[in-house]
mmCIF file of all heavy atoms, coordinates in Angstrom:
data_MODEL
# 
_entry.id   MODEL 
# 
loop_
_atom_site.group_PDB 
_atom_site.id 
_atom_site.type_symbol 
_atom_site.label_atom_id 
_atom_site.label_alt_id 
_atom_site.label_comp_id 
_atom_site.label_asym_id 
_atom_site.label_entity_id 
_atom_site.label_seq_id 
_atom_site.pdbx_PDB_ins_code 
_atom_site.Cartn_x 
_atom_site.Cartn_y 
_atom_site.Cartn_z 
_atom_site.occupancy 
_atom_site.B_iso_or_equiv 
_atom_site.pdbx_formal_charge 
_atom_site.auth_seq_id 
_atom_site.auth_comp_id 
_atom_site.auth_asym_id 
_atom_site.auth_atom_id 
_atom_site.pdbx_PDB_model_num 
ATOM 1   N N   . ASP A 1 1  ? -0.982  -8.841 7.856   1.00 0.00 ? 1  ASP A N   1 
ATOM 2   C CA  . ASP A 1 1  ? -2.362  -8.286 7.526   1.00 0.00 ? 1  ASP A CA  1 
ATOM 3   C C   . ASP A 1 1  ? -2.479  -6.839 8.004   1.00 0.00 ? 1  ASP A C   1 
ATOM 4   O O   . ASP A 1 1  ? -1.956  -6.467 8.938   1.00 0.00 ? 1  ASP A O   1 
ATOM 5   C CB  . ASP A 1 1  ? -3.408  -9.144 8.409   1.00 0.00 ? 1  ASP A CB  1 
ATOM 6   C CG  . ASP A 1 1  ? -4.822  -8.762 8.044   1.00 0.00 ? 1  ASP A CG  1 
ATOM 7   O OD1 . ASP A 1 1  ? -5.286  -7.784 8.589   1.00 0.00 ? 1  ASP A OD1 1 
ATOM 8   O OD2 . ASP A 1 1  ? -5.441  -9.422 7.120   1.00 0.00 ? 1  ASP A OD2 1 
ATOM 9   N N   . ARG A 1 2  ? -3.121  -6.055 7.126   1.00 0.00 ? 2  ARG A N   1 
ATOM 10  C CA  . ARG A 1 2  ? -3.231  -4.603 7.471   1.00 0.00 ? 2  ARG A CA  1 
ATOM 11  C C   . ARG A 1 2  ? -3.960  -4.289 8.741   1.00 0.00 ? 2  ARG A C   1 
ATOM 12  O O   . ARG A 1 2  ? -3.920  -3.270 9.287   1.00 0.00 ? 2  ARG A O   1 
ATOM 13  C CB  . ARG A 1 2  ? -3.915  -3.847 6.293   1.00 0.00 ? 2  ARG A CB  1 
ATOM 14  C CG  . ARG A 1 2  ? -5.371  -4.181 6.060   1.00 0.00 ? 2  ARG A CG  1 
ATOM 15  C CD  . ARG A 1 2  ? -5.846  -3.610 4.808   1.00 0.00 ? 2  ARG A CD  1 
ATOM 16  N NE  . ARG A 1 2  ? -7.375  -3.815 4.558   1.00 0.00 ? 2  ARG A NE  1 
ATOM 17  C CZ  . ARG A 1 2  ? -7.737  -4.909 3.922   1.00 0.00 ? 2  ARG A CZ  1 
ATOM 18  N NH1 . ARG A 1 2  ? -7.004  -5.882 3.546   1.00 0.00 ? 2  ARG A NH1 1 
ATOM 19  N NH2 . ARG A 1 2  ? -9.020  -5.038 3.753   1.00 0.00 ? 2  ARG A NH2 1 
ATOM 20  N N   . HIS A 1 3  ? -4.821  -5.220 9.195   1.00 0.00 ? 3  HIS A N   1 
ATOM 21  C CA  . HIS A 1 3  ? -5.578  -5.032 10.460  1.00 0.00 ? 3  HIS A CA  1 
ATOM 22  C C   . HIS A 1 3  ? -4.796  -5.306 11.586  1.00 0.00 ? 3  HIS A C   1 
ATOM 23  O O   . HIS A 1 3  ? -5.186  -4.988 12.767  1.00 0.00 ? 3  HIS A O   1 
ATOM 24  C CB  . HIS A 1 3  ? -6.946  -5.977 10.415  1.00 0.00 ? 3  HIS A CB  1 
ATOM 25  C CG  . HIS A 1 3  ? -7.802  -5.705 9.220   1.00 0.00 ? 3  HIS A CG  1 
ATOM 26  N ND1 . HIS A 1 3  ? -8.528  -4.548 9.129   1.00 0.00 ? 3  HIS A ND1 1 
ATOM 27  C CD2 . HIS A 1 3  ? -7.975  -6.457 8.104   1.00 0.00 ? 3  HIS A CD2 1 
ATOM 28  C CE1 . HIS A 1 3  ? -9.256  -4.616 8.095   1.00 0.00 ? 3  HIS A CE1 1 
ATOM 29  N NE2 . HIS A 1 3  ? -8.840  -5.717 7.380   1.00 0.00 ? 3  HIS A NE2 1 
ATOM 30  N N   . THR A 1 4  ? -3.626  -6.043 11.558  1.00 0.00 ? 4  THR A N   1 
ATOM 31  C CA  . THR A 1 4  ? -2.795  -6.309 12.709  1.00 0.00 ? 4  THR A CA  1 
ATOM 32  C C   . THR A 1 4  ? -2.094  -5.223 13.290  1.00 0.00 ? 4  THR A C   1 
ATOM 33  O O   . THR A 1 4  ? -1.467  -4.511 12.510  1.00 0.00 ? 4  THR A O   1 
ATOM 34  C CB  . THR A 1 4  ? -1.886  -7.496 12.245  1.00 0.00 ? 4  THR A CB  1 
ATOM 35  O OG1 . THR A 1 4  ? -2.581  -8.628 11.768  1.00 0.00 ? 4  THR A OG1 1 
ATOM 36  C CG2 . THR A 1 4  ? -0.958  -7.854 13.448  1.00 0.00 ? 4  THR A CG2 1 
ATOM 37  N N   . LYS A 1 5  ? -2.013  -4.957 14.508  1.00 0.00 ? 5  LYS A N   1 
ATOM 38  C CA  . LYS A 1 5  ? -1.307  -3.950 15.253  1.00 0.00 ? 5  LYS A CA  1 
ATOM 39  C C   . LYS A 1 5  ? -0.438  -4.578 16.199  1.00 0.00 ? 5  LYS A C   1 
ATOM 40  O O   . LYS A 1 5  ? -0.639  -4.802 17.402  1.00 0.00 ? 5  LYS A O   1 
ATOM 41  C CB  . LYS A 1 5  ? -2.335  -3.044 15.880  1.00 0.00 ? 5  LYS A CB  1 
ATOM 42  C CG  . LYS A 1 5  ? -3.230  -2.300 14.959  1.00 0.00 ? 5  LYS A CG  1 
ATOM 43  C CD  . LYS A 1 5  ? -4.212  -1.259 15.640  1.00 0.00 ? 5  LYS A CD  1 
ATOM 44  C CE  . LYS A 1 5  ? -5.013  -0.601 14.585  1.00 0.00 ? 5  LYS A CE  1 
ATOM 45  N NZ  . LYS A 1 5  ? -5.914  0.384  15.227  1.00 0.00 ? 5  LYS A NZ  1 
ATOM 46  N N   . ALA A 1 6  ? 0.802   -4.911 15.680  1.00 0.00 ? 6  ALA A N   1 
ATOM 47  C CA  . ALA A 1 6  ? 1.821   -5.614 16.470  1.00 0.00 ? 6  ALA A CA  1 
ATOM 48  C C   . ALA A 1 6  ? 3.058   -4.774 16.423  1.00 0.00 ? 6  ALA A C   1 
ATOM 49  O O   . ALA A 1 6  ? 3.287   -3.959 15.584  1.00 0.00 ? 6  ALA A O   1 
ATOM 50  C CB  . ALA A 1 6  ? 2.048   -7.051 15.900  1.00 0.00 ? 6  ALA A CB  1 
ATOM 51  N N   . ALA A 1 7  ? 4.041   -5.123 17.325  1.00 0.00 ? 7  ALA A N   1 
ATOM 52  C CA  . ALA A 1 7  ? 5.311   -4.315 17.389  1.00 0.00 ? 7  ALA A CA  1 
ATOM 53  C C   . ALA A 1 7  ? 5.950   -4.325 15.995  1.00 0.00 ? 7  ALA A C   1 
ATOM 54  O O   . ALA A 1 7  ? 6.634   -3.321 15.544  1.00 0.00 ? 7  ALA A O   1 
ATOM 55  C CB  . ALA A 1 7  ? 6.203   -5.018 18.420  1.00 0.00 ? 7  ALA A CB  1 
ATOM 56  N N   . SER A 1 8  ? 6.053   -5.499 15.218  1.00 0.00 ? 8  SER A N   1 
ATOM 57  C CA  . SER A 1 8  ? 6.698   -5.570 14.006  1.00 0.00 ? 8  SER A CA  1 
ATOM 58  C C   . SER A 1 8  ? 6.055   -4.670 13.025  1.00 0.00 ? 8  SER A C   1 
ATOM 59  O O   . SER A 1 8  ? 6.747   -4.194 12.004  1.00 0.00 ? 8  SER A O   1 
ATOM 60  C CB  . SER A 1 8  ? 6.683   -6.990 13.423  1.00 0.00 ? 8  SER A CB  1 
ATOM 61  O OG  . SER A 1 8  ? 5.328   -7.484 13.331  1.00 0.00 ? 8  SER A OG  1 
ATOM 62  N N   . GLU A 1 9  ? 4.800   -4.255 13.044  1.00 0.00 ? 9  GLU A N   1 
ATOM 63  C CA  . GLU A 1 9  ? 4.045   -3.536 12.169  1.00 0.00 ? 9  GLU A CA  1 
ATOM 64  C C   . GLU A 1 9  ? 4.288   -2.078 12.367  1.00 0.00 ? 9  GLU A C   1 
ATOM 65  O O   . GLU A 1 9  ? 3.790   -1.197 11.582  1.00 0.00 ? 9  GLU A O   1 
ATOM 66  C CB  . GLU A 1 9  ? 2.580   -3.700 12.241  1.00 0.00 ? 9  GLU A CB  1 
ATOM 67  C CG  . GLU A 1 9  ? 2.181   -5.117 11.765  1.00 0.00 ? 9  GLU A CG  1 
ATOM 68  C CD  . GLU A 1 9  ? 2.362   -5.337 10.228  1.00 0.00 ? 9  GLU A CD  1 
ATOM 69  O OE1 . GLU A 1 9  ? 2.628   -4.306 9.507   1.00 0.00 ? 9  GLU A OE1 1 
ATOM 70  O OE2 . GLU A 1 9  ? 2.288   -6.466 9.862   1.00 0.00 ? 9  GLU A OE2 1 
ATOM 71  N N   . LYS A 1 10 ? 5.193   -1.670 13.401  1.00 0.00 ? 10 LYS A N   1 
ATOM 72  C CA  . LYS A 1 10 ? 5.619   -0.172 13.492  1.00 0.00 ? 10 LYS A CA  1 
ATOM 73  C C   . LYS A 1 10 ? 6.514   0.154  12.358  1.00 0.00 ? 10 LYS A C   1 
ATOM 74  O O   . LYS A 1 10 ? 6.749   1.342  12.098  1.00 0.00 ? 10 LYS A O   1 
ATOM 75  C CB  . LYS A 1 10 ? 6.211   -0.082 14.756  1.00 0.00 ? 10 LYS A CB  1 
ATOM 76  C CG  . LYS A 1 10 ? 5.326   -0.176 15.991  1.00 0.00 ? 10 LYS A CG  1 
ATOM 77  C CD  . LYS A 1 10 ? 6.192   0.066  17.201  1.00 0.00 ? 10 LYS A CD  1 
ATOM 78  C CE  . LYS A 1 10 ? 5.224   -0.153 18.516  1.00 0.00 ? 10 LYS A CE  1 
ATOM 79  N NZ  . LYS A 1 10 ? 5.975   0.062  19.814  1.00 0.00 ? 10 LYS A NZ  1 
ATOM 80  N N   . HIS A 1 11 ? 7.116   -0.849 11.713  1.00 0.00 ? 11 HIS A N   1 
ATOM 81  C CA  . HIS A 1 11 ? 8.076   -0.617 10.554  1.00 0.00 ? 11 HIS A CA  1 
ATOM 82  C C   . HIS A 1 11 ? 7.591   -1.461 9.285   1.00 0.00 ? 11 HIS A C   1 
ATOM 83  O O   . HIS A 1 11 ? 8.188   -2.382 9.032   1.00 0.00 ? 11 HIS A O   1 
ATOM 84  C CB  . HIS A 1 11 ? 9.483   -0.974 10.968  1.00 0.00 ? 11 HIS A CB  1 
ATOM 85  C CG  . HIS A 1 11 ? 9.892   -0.293 12.243  1.00 0.00 ? 11 HIS A CG  1 
ATOM 86  N ND1 . HIS A 1 11 ? 10.360  1.034  12.209  1.00 0.00 ? 11 HIS A ND1 1 
ATOM 87  C CD2 . HIS A 1 11 ? 10.037  -0.824 13.527  1.00 0.00 ? 11 HIS A CD2 1 
ATOM 88  C CE1 . HIS A 1 11 ? 10.618  1.285  13.455  1.00 0.00 ? 11 HIS A CE1 1 
ATOM 89  N NE2 . HIS A 1 11 ? 10.541  0.283  14.278  1.00 0.00 ? 11 HIS A NE2 1 
ATOM 90  N N   . PRO A 1 12 ? 6.548   -0.855 8.625   1.00 0.00 ? 12 PRO A N   1 
ATOM 91  C CA  . PRO A 1 12 ? 5.975   -1.681 7.466   1.00 0.00 ? 12 PRO A CA  1 
ATOM 92  C C   . PRO A 1 12 ? 7.070   -1.596 6.292   1.00 0.00 ? 12 PRO A C   1 
ATOM 93  O O   . PRO A 1 12 ? 8.001   -0.690 6.294   1.00 0.00 ? 12 PRO A O   1 
ATOM 94  C CB  . PRO A 1 12 ? 4.725   -1.000 7.091   1.00 0.00 ? 12 PRO A CB  1 
ATOM 95  C CG  . PRO A 1 12 ? 4.966   0.385  7.662   1.00 0.00 ? 12 PRO A CG  1 
ATOM 96  C CD  . PRO A 1 12 ? 5.748   0.239  8.910   1.00 0.00 ? 12 PRO A CD  1 
ATOM 97  N N   . TYR A 1 13 ? 6.963   -2.427 5.368   1.00 0.00 ? 13 TYR A N   1 
ATOM 98  C CA  . TYR A 1 13 ? 7.722   -2.394 4.178   1.00 0.00 ? 13 TYR A CA  1 
ATOM 99  C C   . TYR A 1 13 ? 7.331   -1.166 3.237   1.00 0.00 ? 13 TYR A C   1 
ATOM 100 O O   . TYR A 1 13 ? 6.168   -0.637 3.376   1.00 0.00 ? 13 TYR A O   1 
ATOM 101 C CB  . TYR A 1 13 ? 7.560   -3.662 3.287   1.00 0.00 ? 13 TYR A CB  1 
ATOM 102 C CG  . TYR A 1 13 ? 8.084   -4.854 4.000   1.00 0.00 ? 13 TYR A CG  1 
ATOM 103 C CD1 . TYR A 1 13 ? 7.177   -6.026 4.188   1.00 0.00 ? 13 TYR A CD1 1 
ATOM 104 C CD2 . TYR A 1 13 ? 9.356   -5.000 4.531   1.00 0.00 ? 13 TYR A CD2 1 
ATOM 105 C CE1 . TYR A 1 13 ? 7.669   -7.180 4.788   1.00 0.00 ? 13 TYR A CE1 1 
ATOM 106 C CE2 . TYR A 1 13 ? 9.910   -6.267 5.042   1.00 0.00 ? 13 TYR A CE2 1 
ATOM 107 C CZ  . TYR A 1 13 ? 8.937   -7.261 5.261   1.00 0.00 ? 13 TYR A CZ  1 
ATOM 108 O OH  . TYR A 1 13 ? 9.369   -8.507 5.758   1.00 0.00 ? 13 TYR A OH  1 
ATOM 109 N N   . HIS A 1 14 ? 8.188   -0.804 2.405   1.00 0.00 ? 14 HIS A N   1 
ATOM 110 C CA  . HIS A 1 14 ? 7.912   0.167  1.262   1.00 0.00 ? 14 HIS A CA  1 
ATOM 111 C C   . HIS A 1 14 ? 7.584   -0.510 -0.013  1.00 0.00 ? 14 HIS A C   1 
ATOM 112 O O   . HIS A 1 14 ? 8.321   -1.420 -0.306  1.00 0.00 ? 14 HIS A O   1 
ATOM 113 C CB  . HIS A 1 14 ? 9.057   1.280  1.212   1.00 0.00 ? 14 HIS A CB  1 
ATOM 114 C CG  . HIS A 1 14 ? 9.187   2.151  2.412   1.00 0.00 ? 14 HIS A CG  1 
ATOM 115 N ND1 . HIS A 1 14 ? 9.835   3.413  2.552   1.00 0.00 ? 14 HIS A ND1 1 
ATOM 116 C CD2 . HIS A 1 14 ? 8.732   1.936  3.762   1.00 0.00 ? 14 HIS A CD2 1 
ATOM 117 C CE1 . HIS A 1 14 ? 9.858   3.887  3.758   1.00 0.00 ? 14 HIS A CE1 1 
ATOM 118 N NE2 . HIS A 1 14 ? 9.157   2.907  4.491   1.00 0.00 ? 14 HIS A NE2 1 
ATOM 119 N N   . ILE A 1 15 ? 6.839   0.145  -0.882  1.00 0.00 ? 15 ILE A N   1 
ATOM 120 C CA  . ILE A 1 15 ? 6.700   -0.342 -2.247  1.00 0.00 ? 15 ILE A CA  1 
ATOM 121 C C   . ILE A 1 15 ? 6.232   0.821  -3.178  1.00 0.00 ? 15 ILE A C   1 
ATOM 122 O O   . ILE A 1 15 ? 5.490   1.618  -2.721  1.00 0.00 ? 15 ILE A O   1 
ATOM 123 C CB  . ILE A 1 15 ? 5.631   -1.550 -2.347  1.00 0.00 ? 15 ILE A CB  1 
ATOM 124 C CG1 . ILE A 1 15 ? 5.629   -2.061 -3.702  1.00 0.00 ? 15 ILE A CG1 1 
ATOM 125 C CG2 . ILE A 1 15 ? 4.311   -1.024 -1.824  1.00 0.00 ? 15 ILE A CG2 1 
ATOM 126 C CD1 . ILE A 1 15 ? 4.734   -3.371 -3.847  1.00 0.00 ? 15 ILE A CD1 1 
ATOM 127 N N   . THR A 1 16 ? 6.911   0.861  -4.217  1.00 0.00 ? 16 THR A N   1 
ATOM 128 C CA  . THR A 1 16 ? 6.575   2.018  -5.128  1.00 0.00 ? 16 THR A CA  1 
ATOM 129 C C   . THR A 1 16 ? 5.610   1.549  -6.219  1.00 0.00 ? 16 THR A C   1 
ATOM 130 O O   . THR A 1 16 ? 5.672   0.546  -6.830  1.00 0.00 ? 16 THR A O   1 
ATOM 131 C CB  . THR A 1 16 ? 7.880   2.427  -5.916  1.00 0.00 ? 16 THR A CB  1 
ATOM 132 O OG1 . THR A 1 16 ? 9.001   2.505  -5.081  1.00 0.00 ? 16 THR A OG1 1 
ATOM 133 C CG2 . THR A 1 16 ? 7.782   3.803  -6.740  1.00 0.00 ? 16 THR A CG2 1 
ATOM 134 N N   . LEU A 1 17 ? 4.521   2.270  -6.316  1.00 0.00 ? 17 LEU A N   1 
ATOM 135 C CA  . LEU A 1 17 ? 3.393   2.015  -7.196  1.00 0.00 ? 17 LEU A CA  1 
ATOM 136 C C   . LEU A 1 17 ? 3.066   3.198  -8.151  1.00 0.00 ? 17 LEU A C   1 
ATOM 137 O O   . LEU A 1 17 ? 2.993   4.326  -7.727  1.00 0.00 ? 17 LEU A O   1 
ATOM 138 C CB  . LEU A 1 17 ? 2.078   1.675  -6.326  1.00 0.00 ? 17 LEU A CB  1 
ATOM 139 C CG  . LEU A 1 17 ? 2.303   0.597  -5.244  1.00 0.00 ? 17 LEU A CG  1 
ATOM 140 C CD1 . LEU A 1 17 ? 1.011   0.536  -4.455  1.00 0.00 ? 17 LEU A CD1 1 
ATOM 141 C CD2 . LEU A 1 17 ? 2.488   -0.822 -5.935  1.00 0.00 ? 17 LEU A CD2 1 
ATOM 142 N N   . LEU A 1 18 ? 2.849   2.819  -9.428  1.00 0.00 ? 18 LEU A N   1 
ATOM 143 C CA  . LEU A 1 18 ? 2.668   3.926  -10.444 1.00 0.00 ? 18 LEU A CA  1 
ATOM 144 C C   . LEU A 1 18 ? 1.307   3.500  -11.174 1.00 0.00 ? 18 LEU A C   1 
ATOM 145 O O   . LEU A 1 18 ? 1.160   2.405  -11.654 1.00 0.00 ? 18 LEU A O   1 
ATOM 146 C CB  . LEU A 1 18 ? 3.834   4.098  -11.299 1.00 0.00 ? 18 LEU A CB  1 
ATOM 147 C CG  . LEU A 1 18 ? 5.181   4.368  -10.881 1.00 0.00 ? 18 LEU A CG  1 
ATOM 148 C CD1 . LEU A 1 18 ? 6.250   4.405  -11.922 1.00 0.00 ? 18 LEU A CD1 1 
ATOM 149 C CD2 . LEU A 1 18 ? 5.093   5.746  -10.067 1.00 0.00 ? 18 LEU A CD2 1 
ATOM 150 N N   . ALA A 1 19 ? 0.550   4.474  -11.475 1.00 0.00 ? 19 ALA A N   1 
ATOM 151 C CA  . ALA A 1 19 ? -0.681  4.281  -12.321 1.00 0.00 ? 19 ALA A CA  1 
ATOM 152 C C   . ALA A 1 19 ? -0.271  4.345  -13.713 1.00 0.00 ? 19 ALA A C   1 
ATOM 153 O O   . ALA A 1 19 ? 0.260   5.248  -14.147 1.00 0.00 ? 19 ALA A O   1 
ATOM 154 C CB  . ALA A 1 19 ? -1.738  5.256  -12.001 1.00 0.00 ? 19 ALA A CB  1 
ATOM 155 N N   . LYS A 1 20 ? -0.644  3.320  -14.580 1.00 0.00 ? 20 LYS A N   1 
ATOM 156 C CA  . LYS A 1 20 ? -0.298  3.314  -15.889 1.00 0.00 ? 20 LYS A CA  1 
ATOM 157 C C   . LYS A 1 20 ? -1.551  3.726  -16.723 1.00 0.00 ? 20 LYS A C   1 
ATOM 158 O O   . LYS A 1 20 ? -1.395  4.006  -17.936 1.00 0.00 ? 20 LYS A O   1 
ATOM 159 C CB  . LYS A 1 20 ? 0.188   2.064  -16.429 1.00 0.00 ? 20 LYS A CB  1 
ATOM 160 C CG  . LYS A 1 20 ? -0.724  0.840  -16.295 1.00 0.00 ? 20 LYS A CG  1 
ATOM 161 C CD  . LYS A 1 20 ? 0.072   -0.531 -16.805 1.00 0.00 ? 20 LYS A CD  1 
ATOM 162 C CE  . LYS A 1 20 ? -0.861  -1.697 -16.583 1.00 0.00 ? 20 LYS A CE  1 
ATOM 163 N NZ  . LYS A 1 20 ? -0.123  -2.900 -17.026 1.00 0.00 ? 20 LYS A NZ  1 
ATOM 164 N N   . ASN A 1 21 ? -2.695  3.891  -16.129 1.00 0.00 ? 21 ASN A N   1 
ATOM 165 C CA  . ASN A 1 21 ? -3.906  4.256  -16.764 1.00 0.00 ? 21 ASN A CA  1 
ATOM 166 C C   . ASN A 1 21 ? -4.986  4.600  -15.777 1.00 0.00 ? 21 ASN A C   1 
ATOM 167 O O   . ASN A 1 21 ? -4.707  4.725  -14.630 1.00 0.00 ? 21 ASN A O   1 
ATOM 168 C CB  . ASN A 1 21 ? -4.528  3.110  -17.761 1.00 0.00 ? 21 ASN A CB  1 
ATOM 169 C CG  . ASN A 1 21 ? -4.668  1.834  -16.876 1.00 0.00 ? 21 ASN A CG  1 
ATOM 170 O OD1 . ASN A 1 21 ? -5.015  1.850  -15.779 1.00 0.00 ? 21 ASN A OD1 1 
ATOM 171 N ND2 . ASN A 1 21 ? -4.437  0.657  -17.646 1.00 0.00 ? 21 ASN A ND2 1 
ATOM 172 N N   . ASN A 1 22 ? -6.123  5.026  -16.269 1.00 0.00 ? 22 ASN A N   1 
ATOM 173 C CA  . ASN A 1 22 ? -7.209  5.563  -15.383 1.00 0.00 ? 22 ASN A CA  1 
ATOM 174 C C   . ASN A 1 22 ? -7.631  4.516  -14.363 1.00 0.00 ? 22 ASN A C   1 
ATOM 175 O O   . ASN A 1 22 ? -7.942  4.856  -13.187 1.00 0.00 ? 22 ASN A O   1 
ATOM 176 C CB  . ASN A 1 22 ? -8.398  6.046  -16.145 1.00 0.00 ? 22 ASN A CB  1 
ATOM 177 C CG  . ASN A 1 22 ? -9.160  7.093  -15.398 1.00 0.00 ? 22 ASN A CG  1 
ATOM 178 O OD1 . ASN A 1 22 ? -8.796  8.010  -14.755 1.00 0.00 ? 22 ASN A OD1 1 
ATOM 179 N ND2 . ASN A 1 22 ? -10.594 6.849  -15.324 1.00 0.00 ? 22 ASN A ND2 1 
ATOM 180 N N   . THR A 1 23 ? -7.629  3.327  -14.776 1.00 0.00 ? 23 THR A N   1 
ATOM 181 C CA  . THR A 1 23 ? -8.083  2.218  -13.881 1.00 0.00 ? 23 THR A CA  1 
ATOM 182 C C   . THR A 1 23 ? -6.983  2.158  -12.676 1.00 0.00 ? 23 THR A C   1 
ATOM 183 O O   . THR A 1 23 ? -7.337  2.021  -11.582 1.00 0.00 ? 23 THR A O   1 
ATOM 184 C CB  . THR A 1 23 ? -8.061  0.897  -14.561 1.00 0.00 ? 23 THR A CB  1 
ATOM 185 O OG1 . THR A 1 23 ? -9.157  0.904  -15.562 1.00 0.00 ? 23 THR A OG1 1 
ATOM 186 C CG2 . THR A 1 23 ? -8.451  -0.332 -13.646 1.00 0.00 ? 23 THR A CG2 1 
ATOM 187 N N   . GLY A 1 24 ? -5.722  2.272  -13.162 1.00 0.00 ? 24 GLY A N   1 
ATOM 188 C CA  . GLY A 1 24 ? -4.640  2.254  -12.166 1.00 0.00 ? 24 GLY A CA  1 
ATOM 189 C C   . GLY A 1 24 ? -4.802  3.407  -11.144 1.00 0.00 ? 24 GLY A C   1 
ATOM 190 O O   . GLY A 1 24 ? -4.547  3.215  -9.940  1.00 0.00 ? 24 GLY A O   1 
ATOM 191 N N   . TYR A 1 25 ? -5.100  4.597  -11.722 1.00 0.00 ? 25 TYR A N   1 
ATOM 192 C CA  . TYR A 1 25 ? -5.319  5.737  -10.869 1.00 0.00 ? 25 TYR A CA  1 
ATOM 193 C C   . TYR A 1 25 ? -6.404  5.519  -9.766  1.00 0.00 ? 25 TYR A C   1 
ATOM 194 O O   . TYR A 1 25 ? -6.199  5.896  -8.574  1.00 0.00 ? 25 TYR A O   1 
ATOM 195 C CB  . TYR A 1 25 ? -5.474  6.988  -11.667 1.00 0.00 ? 25 TYR A CB  1 
ATOM 196 C CG  . TYR A 1 25 ? -5.812  8.309  -10.875 1.00 0.00 ? 25 TYR A CG  1 
ATOM 197 C CD1 . TYR A 1 25 ? -4.783  8.747  -10.053 1.00 0.00 ? 25 TYR A CD1 1 
ATOM 198 C CD2 . TYR A 1 25 ? -7.007  8.870  -11.051 1.00 0.00 ? 25 TYR A CD2 1 
ATOM 199 C CE1 . TYR A 1 25 ? -5.176  9.932  -9.307  1.00 0.00 ? 25 TYR A CE1 1 
ATOM 200 C CE2 . TYR A 1 25 ? -7.289  10.078 -10.326 1.00 0.00 ? 25 TYR A CE2 1 
ATOM 201 C CZ  . TYR A 1 25 ? -6.279  10.567 -9.448  1.00 0.00 ? 25 TYR A CZ  1 
ATOM 202 O OH  . TYR A 1 25 ? -6.571  11.654 -8.740  1.00 0.00 ? 25 TYR A OH  1 
ATOM 203 N N   . LYS A 1 26 ? -7.454  4.966  -10.306 1.00 0.00 ? 26 LYS A N   1 
ATOM 204 C CA  . LYS A 1 26 ? -8.611  4.797  -9.380  1.00 0.00 ? 26 LYS A CA  1 
ATOM 205 C C   . LYS A 1 26 ? -8.236  3.794  -8.249  1.00 0.00 ? 26 LYS A C   1 
ATOM 206 O O   . LYS A 1 26 ? -8.654  3.898  -7.124  1.00 0.00 ? 26 LYS A O   1 
ATOM 207 C CB  . LYS A 1 26 ? -9.875  4.359  -10.193 1.00 0.00 ? 26 LYS A CB  1 
ATOM 208 C CG  . LYS A 1 26 ? -10.527 5.445  -11.075 1.00 0.00 ? 26 LYS A CG  1 
ATOM 209 C CD  . LYS A 1 26 ? -11.732 4.860  -11.759 1.00 0.00 ? 26 LYS A CD  1 
ATOM 210 C CE  . LYS A 1 26 ? -12.379 6.014  -12.504 1.00 0.00 ? 26 LYS A CE  1 
ATOM 211 N NZ  . LYS A 1 26 ? -13.516 5.482  -13.338 1.00 0.00 ? 26 LYS A NZ  1 
ATOM 212 N N   . ASN A 1 27 ? -7.464  2.785  -8.680  1.00 0.00 ? 27 ASN A N   1 
ATOM 213 C CA  . ASN A 1 27 ? -7.082  1.710  -7.723  1.00 0.00 ? 27 ASN A CA  1 
ATOM 214 C C   . ASN A 1 27 ? -6.062  2.281  -6.666  1.00 0.00 ? 27 ASN A C   1 
ATOM 215 O O   . ASN A 1 27 ? -6.077  2.061  -5.561  1.00 0.00 ? 27 ASN A O   1 
ATOM 216 C CB  . ASN A 1 27 ? -6.384  0.563  -8.471  1.00 0.00 ? 27 ASN A CB  1 
ATOM 217 C CG  . ASN A 1 27 ? -7.400  -0.407 -8.937  1.00 0.00 ? 27 ASN A CG  1 
ATOM 218 O OD1 . ASN A 1 27 ? -8.548  -0.596 -8.285  1.00 0.00 ? 27 ASN A OD1 1 
ATOM 219 N ND2 . ASN A 1 27 ? -7.182  -1.072 -10.035 1.00 0.00 ? 27 ASN A ND2 1 
ATOM 220 N N   . LEU A 1 28 ? -5.274  3.281  -7.193  1.00 0.00 ? 28 LEU A N   1 
ATOM 221 C CA  . LEU A 1 28 ? -4.349  4.017  -6.261  1.00 0.00 ? 28 LEU A CA  1 
ATOM 222 C C   . LEU A 1 28 ? -5.168  4.708  -5.208  1.00 0.00 ? 28 LEU A C   1 
ATOM 223 O O   . LEU A 1 28 ? -4.836  4.782  -3.975  1.00 0.00 ? 28 LEU A O   1 
ATOM 224 C CB  . LEU A 1 28 ? -3.425  4.832  -6.952  1.00 0.00 ? 28 LEU A CB  1 
ATOM 225 C CG  . LEU A 1 28 ? -2.253  4.264  -7.647  1.00 0.00 ? 28 LEU A CG  1 
ATOM 226 C CD1 . LEU A 1 28 ? -1.248  5.417  -8.270  1.00 0.00 ? 28 LEU A CD1 1 
ATOM 227 C CD2 . LEU A 1 28 ? -1.283  3.458  -6.688  1.00 0.00 ? 28 LEU A CD2 1 
ATOM 228 N N   . LEU A 1 29 ? -6.174  5.440  -5.654  1.00 0.00 ? 29 LEU A N   1 
ATOM 229 C CA  . LEU A 1 29 ? -7.063  6.147  -4.752  1.00 0.00 ? 29 LEU A CA  1 
ATOM 230 C C   . LEU A 1 29 ? -7.637  5.211  -3.736  1.00 0.00 ? 29 LEU A C   1 
ATOM 231 O O   . LEU A 1 29 ? -7.698  5.543  -2.598  1.00 0.00 ? 29 LEU A O   1 
ATOM 232 C CB  . LEU A 1 29 ? -8.102  6.849  -5.546  1.00 0.00 ? 29 LEU A CB  1 
ATOM 233 C CG  . LEU A 1 29 ? -7.706  8.098  -6.368  1.00 0.00 ? 29 LEU A CG  1 
ATOM 234 C CD1 . LEU A 1 29 ? -8.905  8.595  -7.143  1.00 0.00 ? 29 LEU A CD1 1 
ATOM 235 C CD2 . LEU A 1 29 ? -7.053  9.173  -5.629  1.00 0.00 ? 29 LEU A CD2 1 
# 
């Protein structure tokens, strides 16, 4: 959970996200 602050969360995963339209851009923001 993004609200959790535990030792394991010092190293979050990475994920690549691209906006394919204006809705996607707003969601990225």
